[in-house]
Amino acid sequence: MALLFTPAQAQTPPDRACVGKNLLPELQQRDPKAYGRVAAEAAETPNGQAIFWKIEKPGLKPSYLLGTMHVTDPRVLTMPKGAQDAAKGADTIIVESDEVLDDKKAAIALMAKPELSMFTDGSTITSHLTPEQVKELEAGLKKRGLALSAVNRMKPWIIASFVALPACELARKAEGTSFLDKRIAQDAANAGKRVVGLETYAEQLEALNDLPMAFHLKSLIDTLQLGDTMNDVNETMIDLYLKGDIGAIMPLLQAISPDPASAKDADYAAFEQRIVLDRNKIMAERAAPTLNQGNVFMAVGALHLPGEGGVVALLRQQGFTVTAMP
């Protein structure tokens, strides 16, 4: 979303150099019990130890499923062994949204529903926050070369997309570097392949709009309070992703949250249901007709793959054999 909503009033461009460290070794030393909980939950998460999968059904050419990160980090853009060849050999490419192929067209479509991304009731983000929270927000935006006045009418989940990403990631995107999903779709389109989208950006934002405003405001402030630690969070997530240990990502985020108790409240449960589980079902259902044609390469966010309600399990329920690739 930051690709579509980055304000034109950005100030000094952020530093392109990435900084950050893996938080897990520090967590293991500082709080062995918390580290143990993260490791245990990761180990118990079904389908949480791989990002690249083979999809089979009798009578069909094999298809493949890649869990992605929506980032431009060169390590992520280098897909796991076999994935690049699978994408090149596929007849059809499935991505979360084929709107990644035309940012301007997607932005125009979203502008037709301004209530999904902007306050249309006369309020602003600052009117929903305390004076102290406004100061935190202004400082966090300034670090990323953004003025508060440029985003004041934006809803918190849009603003969060700026402050949650490290400065280097925003800089690469501003330079035109494509994140992994977009690159996969662009390469397929350039090769004349069919590109199928499972959702629209409007549907994704509608899911966010369904959640309580208080939840989004708290999430934004929590992200701001992490400050420079967000660089470490992103580095840790990338490390886990590259190892295929995606089952550890959500437990890690809960462990390092400024308010760990919030991970167990009703609003967080609603978030998990609406943003993850509900969308998993939509992805699996909409992908099935195309997967039933065989020789497909499917790429969706890695956090949609694991768990009993994840895309891998849901595809198996539809009669596909889904196997982790070494």
Protein backbone atom coordinates (compact mmCIF):
# COMPACT_ATOMS: atom_id res chain seq x y z
CA MET A 1 0.00 0.00 0.00
CA ALA A 2 2.91 2.34 0.64
CA LEU A 3 3.65 2.10 -3.09
CA LEU A 4 0.29 3.71 -3.83
CA PHE A 5 0.01 6.21 -1.01
CA THR A 6 3.52 7.64 -0.45
CA PRO A 7 2.84 11.39 -0.16
CA ALA A 8 4.35 13.77 -2.68
CA GLN A 9 5.32 16.05 0.22
CA ALA A 10 8.12 13.73 1.36
CA GLN A 11 11.14 15.65 2.61
CA THR A 12 14.74 14.38 2.57
CA PRO A 13 14.77 10.88 1.02
CA PRO A 14 15.55 8.16 3.58
CA ASP A 15 18.90 6.43 3.70
CA ARG A 16 19.09 3.47 1.34
CA ALA A 17 21.49 1.58 3.61
CA CYS A 18 19.81 -1.14 5.67
CA VAL A 19 20.63 -1.62 9.34
CA GLY A 20 19.25 -4.13 11.79
CA LYS A 21 20.08 -7.30 13.67
CA ASN A 22 18.34 -10.59 14.37
CA LEU A 23 16.48 -10.22 17.68
CA LEU A 24 16.26 -13.92 18.48
CA PRO A 25 19.78 -14.42 19.97
CA GLU A 26 19.22 -11.40 22.23
CA LEU A 27 15.76 -12.67 23.24
CA GLN A 28 17.25 -16.08 24.05
CA GLN A 29 19.76 -14.49 26.42
CA ARG A 30 17.47 -11.85 27.93
CA ASP A 31 14.29 -13.91 28.31
CA PRO A 32 14.85 -17.66 27.78
CA LYS A 33 11.21 -18.44 28.64
CA ALA A 34 9.88 -16.05 25.99
CA TYR A 35 12.35 -17.47 23.47
CA GLY A 36 11.22 -20.98 24.39
CA ARG A 37 7.58 -20.03 23.80
CA VAL A 38 8.42 -18.63 20.37
CA ALA A 39 10.35 -21.78 19.42
CA ALA A 40 7.66 -24.11 20.78
CA GLU A 41 4.81 -22.34 19.01
CA ALA A 42 6.78 -22.27 15.77
CA ALA A 43 7.47 -26.02 16.00
CA GLU A 44 3.79 -26.73 16.67
CA THR A 45 2.52 -24.64 13.73
CA PRO A 46 1.40 -26.93 10.88
CA ASN A 47 3.14 -26.19 7.58
CA GLY A 48 5.28 -23.52 9.24
CA GLN A 49 8.71 -24.75 8.18
CA ALA A 50 8.80 -24.04 4.43
CA ILE A 51 8.08 -21.27 1.94
CA PHE A 52 8.20 -23.28 -1.32
CA TRP A 53 5.70 -26.05 -2.05
CA LYS A 54 4.76 -28.43 -4.87
CA ILE A 55 1.06 -28.80 -5.69
CA GLU A 56 -0.10 -32.00 -7.39
CA LYS A 57 -3.31 -33.70 -8.47
CA PRO A 58 -3.66 -36.81 -10.69
CA GLY A 59 -3.87 -35.96 -14.37
CA LEU A 60 -2.41 -32.47 -13.97
CA LYS A 61 1.04 -31.04 -14.52
CA PRO A 62 2.54 -30.06 -11.15
CA SER A 63 2.08 -26.53 -9.89
CA TYR A 64 4.09 -24.64 -7.30
CA LEU A 65 3.36 -22.33 -4.38
CA LEU A 66 5.82 -19.73 -3.06
CA GLY A 67 5.29 -17.80 0.15
CA THR A 68 6.59 -14.28 -0.34
CA MET A 69 7.59 -11.19 1.58
CA HIS A 70 6.30 -7.96 0.06
CA VAL A 71 9.73 -6.32 0.20
CA THR A 72 12.55 -5.33 -2.17
CA ASP A 73 15.40 -6.80 -0.10
CA PRO A 74 17.85 -8.47 -2.55
CA ARG A 75 17.99 -11.59 -0.35
CA VAL A 76 14.23 -12.03 -0.68
CA LEU A 77 14.24 -11.26 -4.41
CA THR A 78 16.60 -14.22 -4.84
CA MET A 79 13.97 -16.94 -4.72
CA PRO A 80 14.67 -20.36 -3.19
CA LYS A 81 16.22 -23.14 -5.26
CA GLY A 82 13.88 -24.29 -8.00
CA ALA A 83 11.37 -21.45 -7.64
CA GLN A 84 12.79 -19.31 -10.43
CA ASP A 85 12.69 -22.23 -12.87
CA ALA A 86 9.18 -23.16 -11.74
CA ALA A 87 7.96 -19.62 -12.41
CA LYS A 88 9.62 -19.54 -15.83
CA GLY A 89 8.13 -22.88 -16.80
CA ALA A 90 4.59 -22.18 -15.63
CA ASP A 91 1.74 -21.39 -18.01
CA THR A 92 -0.04 -19.17 -15.49
CA ILE A 93 1.11 -17.02 -12.57
CA ILE A 94 -1.15 -16.40 -9.56
CA VAL A 95 -0.45 -13.45 -7.24
CA GLU A 96 -2.46 -11.83 -4.46
CA SER A 97 -3.50 -8.98 -6.75
CA ASP A 98 -2.78 -8.49 -10.44
CA GLU A 99 -3.17 -4.76 -9.77
CA VAL A 100 0.56 -4.76 -8.95
CA LEU A 101 1.08 -4.60 -12.72
CA ASP A 102 -0.42 -1.11 -12.96
CA ASP A 103 0.03 1.08 -9.89
CA LYS A 104 -1.67 4.08 -11.49
CA LYS A 105 -4.76 2.09 -12.46
CA ALA A 106 -4.91 0.58 -8.98
CA ALA A 107 -4.60 4.01 -7.36
CA ILE A 108 -7.42 5.36 -9.51
CA ALA A 109 -9.63 2.42 -8.48
CA LEU A 110 -8.91 3.11 -4.81
CA MET A 111 -9.60 6.81 -5.22
CA ALA A 112 -13.13 5.83 -6.21
CA LYS A 113 -13.52 4.59 -2.62
CA PRO A 114 -11.69 7.25 -0.58
CA GLU A 115 -13.30 6.07 2.65
CA LEU A 116 -11.08 2.98 2.55
CA SER A 117 -7.88 4.95 3.00
CA MET A 118 -8.85 8.44 4.14
CA PHE A 119 -10.98 10.01 6.86
CA THR A 120 -14.03 11.35 5.04
CA ASP A 121 -15.96 12.50 8.12
CA GLY A 122 -13.94 15.68 8.64
CA SER A 123 -11.65 14.13 11.24
CA THR A 124 -7.89 13.58 10.94
CA ILE A 125 -5.41 11.14 12.42
CA THR A 126 -4.33 13.78 14.95
CA SER A 127 -7.90 14.26 16.17
CA HIS A 128 -7.96 10.56 17.13
CA LEU A 129 -4.71 10.71 19.11
CA THR A 130 -3.53 12.32 22.33
CA PRO A 131 -1.06 15.25 22.10
CA GLU A 132 1.76 12.94 23.23
CA GLN A 133 0.84 10.36 20.58
CA VAL A 134 0.79 13.10 17.94
CA LYS A 135 4.37 14.00 18.90
CA GLU A 136 5.39 10.33 18.57
CA LEU A 137 3.75 10.13 15.16
CA GLU A 138 5.35 13.33 13.92
CA ALA A 139 8.81 12.18 15.02
CA GLY A 140 8.36 8.74 13.45
CA LEU A 141 7.27 10.23 10.14
CA LYS A 142 10.10 12.77 10.13
CA LYS A 143 12.63 9.95 10.32
CA ARG A 144 11.20 8.69 7.03
CA GLY A 145 11.20 12.07 5.32
CA LEU A 146 7.44 12.58 5.69
CA ALA A 147 5.53 15.53 7.08
CA LEU A 148 2.55 14.96 9.36
CA SER A 149 0.53 17.42 7.29
CA ALA A 150 0.97 15.14 4.27
CA VAL A 151 -0.70 12.16 5.94
CA ASN A 152 -3.07 13.77 8.43
CA ARG A 153 -6.21 12.67 6.61
CA MET A 154 -4.96 9.13 6.02
CA LYS A 155 -6.31 6.28 8.10
CA PRO A 156 -3.93 4.63 10.58
CA TRP A 157 -3.33 1.44 8.59
CA ILE A 158 -2.02 3.50 5.67
CA ILE A 159 0.26 5.56 7.91
CA ALA A 160 1.45 2.37 9.60
CA SER A 161 2.71 1.13 6.24
CA PHE A 162 5.20 4.02 6.23
CA VAL A 163 6.48 3.71 9.79
CA ALA A 164 6.60 -0.10 9.84
CA LEU A 165 8.94 -0.34 6.86
CA PRO A 166 12.64 0.43 7.37
CA ALA A 167 13.93 3.56 5.67
CA CYS A 168 16.03 1.51 3.24
CA GLU A 169 12.93 -0.34 2.04
CA LEU A 170 11.03 2.90 1.42
CA ALA A 171 14.08 4.30 -0.41
CA ARG A 172 14.35 1.29 -2.73
CA LYS A 173 10.64 1.43 -3.52
CA ALA A 174 10.88 5.18 -4.16
CA GLU A 175 13.67 4.39 -6.67
CA GLY A 176 11.33 2.02 -8.48
CA THR A 177 12.64 -1.34 -7.23
CA SER A 178 9.84 -3.91 -7.38
CA PHE A 179 9.01 -6.04 -4.35
CA LEU A 180 9.04 -9.81 -4.86
CA ASP A 181 5.37 -10.34 -5.77
CA LYS A 182 5.40 -7.46 -8.22
CA ARG A 183 8.61 -8.66 -9.86
CA ILE A 184 7.15 -12.15 -10.32
CA ALA A 185 4.02 -10.69 -11.93
CA GLN A 186 6.02 -8.29 -14.13
CA ASP A 187 8.34 -11.02 -15.36
CA ALA A 188 5.34 -13.20 -16.21
CA ALA A 189 3.55 -10.39 -18.05
CA ASN A 190 6.70 -9.54 -19.99
CA ALA A 191 6.95 -13.19 -21.03
CA GLY A 192 3.34 -13.15 -22.28
CA LYS A 193 2.06 -15.39 -19.50
CA ARG A 194 -1.39 -15.14 -17.98
CA VAL A 195 -1.36 -13.37 -14.58
CA VAL A 196 -4.26 -14.06 -12.23
CA GLY A 197 -5.03 -11.95 -9.16
CA LEU A 198 -6.88 -13.38 -6.17
CA GLU A 199 -7.94 -10.09 -4.58
CA THR A 200 -8.20 -6.39 -5.34
CA TYR A 201 -6.54 -3.71 -3.24
CA ALA A 202 -10.01 -2.43 -2.41
CA GLU A 203 -10.94 -5.81 -0.93
CA GLN A 204 -7.79 -5.79 1.17
CA LEU A 205 -8.56 -2.32 2.51
CA GLU A 206 -12.17 -3.24 3.13
CA ALA A 207 -10.94 -6.03 5.40
CA LEU A 208 -8.89 -3.49 7.37
CA ASN A 209 -11.86 -1.13 7.54
CA ASP A 210 -13.91 -3.90 9.15
CA LEU A 211 -11.71 -3.81 12.26
CA PRO A 212 -12.25 -1.37 15.15
CA MET A 213 -10.54 2.01 14.76
CA ALA A 214 -9.20 1.69 18.32
CA PHE A 215 -7.29 -1.44 17.30
CA HIS A 216 -5.64 0.33 14.37
CA LEU A 217 -4.73 3.37 16.44
CA LYS A 218 -3.13 1.20 19.11
CA SER A 219 -1.24 -0.80 16.48
CA LEU A 220 0.11 2.41 14.97
CA ILE A 221 1.30 3.71 18.35
CA ASP A 222 2.84 0.33 19.24
CA THR A 223 4.79 0.43 15.97
CA LEU A 224 5.98 3.96 16.70
CA GLN A 225 7.08 2.96 20.19
CA LEU A 226 9.30 0.25 18.73
CA GLY A 227 11.25 3.06 17.07
CA ASP A 228 14.55 1.95 15.55
CA THR A 229 13.82 -1.58 16.79
CA MET A 230 11.61 -1.88 13.69
CA ASN A 231 14.84 -2.26 11.70
CA ASP A 232 15.70 -5.26 13.88
CA VAL A 233 12.15 -6.63 13.57
CA ASN A 234 12.34 -6.52 9.79
CA GLU A 235 15.81 -8.07 9.76
CA THR A 236 14.62 -10.88 12.04
CA MET A 237 11.57 -11.53 9.86
CA ILE A 238 13.76 -11.71 6.77
CA ASP A 239 16.15 -14.13 8.50
CA LEU A 240 13.25 -16.37 9.53
CA TYR A 241 11.77 -16.19 6.05
CA LEU A 242 15.03 -17.14 4.36
CA LYS A 243 15.30 -20.15 6.68
CA GLY A 244 11.71 -21.12 5.86
CA ASP A 245 10.76 -20.76 9.53
CA ILE A 246 7.60 -18.77 8.89
CA GLY A 247 5.80 -20.42 11.80
CA ALA A 248 8.03 -18.39 14.14
CA ILE A 249 7.18 -14.96 12.72
CA MET A 250 3.86 -14.29 14.49
CA PRO A 251 5.07 -15.66 17.87
CA LEU A 252 8.15 -13.45 17.56
CA LEU A 253 6.07 -10.33 16.85
CA GLN A 254 3.93 -11.07 19.88
CA ALA A 255 7.00 -11.60 22.08
CA ILE A 256 8.58 -8.26 21.21
CA SER A 257 5.36 -6.22 21.21
CA PRO A 258 5.39 -3.18 23.55
CA ASP A 259 2.16 -4.63 24.98
CA PRO A 260 2.37 -8.46 24.72
CA ALA A 261 -1.03 -8.84 26.44
CA SER A 262 -2.70 -7.20 23.43
CA ALA A 263 -1.82 -10.25 21.34
CA LYS A 264 -4.39 -12.18 23.34
CA ASP A 265 -7.25 -9.67 23.32
CA ALA A 266 -10.46 -9.75 21.28
CA ASP A 267 -9.31 -7.12 18.80
CA TYR A 268 -6.20 -9.12 17.91
CA ALA A 269 -8.34 -12.23 17.46
CA ALA A 270 -10.59 -10.24 15.13
CA PHE A 271 -7.52 -9.10 13.19
CA GLU A 272 -6.26 -12.65 12.79
CA GLN A 273 -9.70 -13.83 11.65
CA ARG A 274 -10.44 -11.01 9.21
CA ILE A 275 -7.00 -10.25 7.79
CA VAL A 276 -5.44 -13.72 7.79
CA LEU A 277 -7.93 -16.59 8.07
CA ASP A 278 -10.78 -15.09 6.03
CA ARG A 279 -8.40 -14.06 3.28
CA ASN A 280 -6.75 -17.51 3.31
CA LYS A 281 -10.13 -19.01 2.40
CA ILE A 282 -10.66 -16.49 -0.38
CA MET A 283 -7.20 -17.16 -1.80
CA ALA A 284 -7.58 -20.95 -1.75
CA GLU A 285 -11.08 -20.88 -3.22
CA ARG A 286 -10.23 -18.43 -5.99
CA ALA A 287 -6.96 -20.15 -6.84
CA ALA A 288 -8.49 -23.62 -7.15
CA PRO A 289 -10.02 -23.26 -10.66
CA THR A 290 -6.69 -22.10 -12.06
CA LEU A 291 -4.69 -24.71 -10.14
CA ASN A 292 -7.02 -27.36 -11.57
CA GLN A 293 -5.61 -26.51 -15.00
CA GLY A 294 -2.10 -27.50 -13.89
CA ASN A 295 1.34 -25.95 -14.47
CA VAL A 296 0.72 -22.88 -12.32
CA PHE A 297 3.10 -20.83 -10.20
CA MET A 298 1.32 -19.23 -7.24
CA ALA A 299 2.91 -16.55 -5.04
CA VAL A 300 1.19 -15.14 -1.94
CA GLY A 301 2.38 -13.71 1.36
CA ALA A 302 4.21 -16.34 3.40
CA LEU A 303 2.09 -15.72 6.52
CA HIS A 304 -0.93 -16.99 4.60
CA LEU A 305 0.62 -20.46 4.24
CA PRO A 306 0.98 -22.00 7.73
CA GLY A 307 -1.55 -23.17 10.28
CA GLU A 308 -4.66 -25.32 10.21
CA GLY A 309 -6.45 -22.50 8.40
CA GLY A 310 -3.53 -21.67 6.11
CA VAL A 311 -3.50 -21.87 2.33
CA VAL A 312 -1.46 -25.10 2.32
CA ALA A 313 -4.00 -26.91 4.50
CA LEU A 314 -6.95 -25.44 2.58
CA LEU A 315 -5.55 -26.60 -0.76
CA ARG A 316 -5.15 -30.10 0.64
CA GLN A 317 -8.81 -30.01 1.65
CA GLN A 318 -9.62 -29.31 -2.00
CA GLY A 319 -7.92 -32.52 -3.09
CA PHE A 320 -4.43 -31.29 -3.92
CA THR A 321 -1.28 -32.94 -2.63
CA VAL A 322 0.91 -30.14 -1.30
CA THR A 323 4.51 -31.04 -0.45
CA ALA A 324 7.32 -28.87 0.93
CA MET A 325 10.24 -28.53 -1.46
CA PRO A 326 13.75 -29.12 -0.06
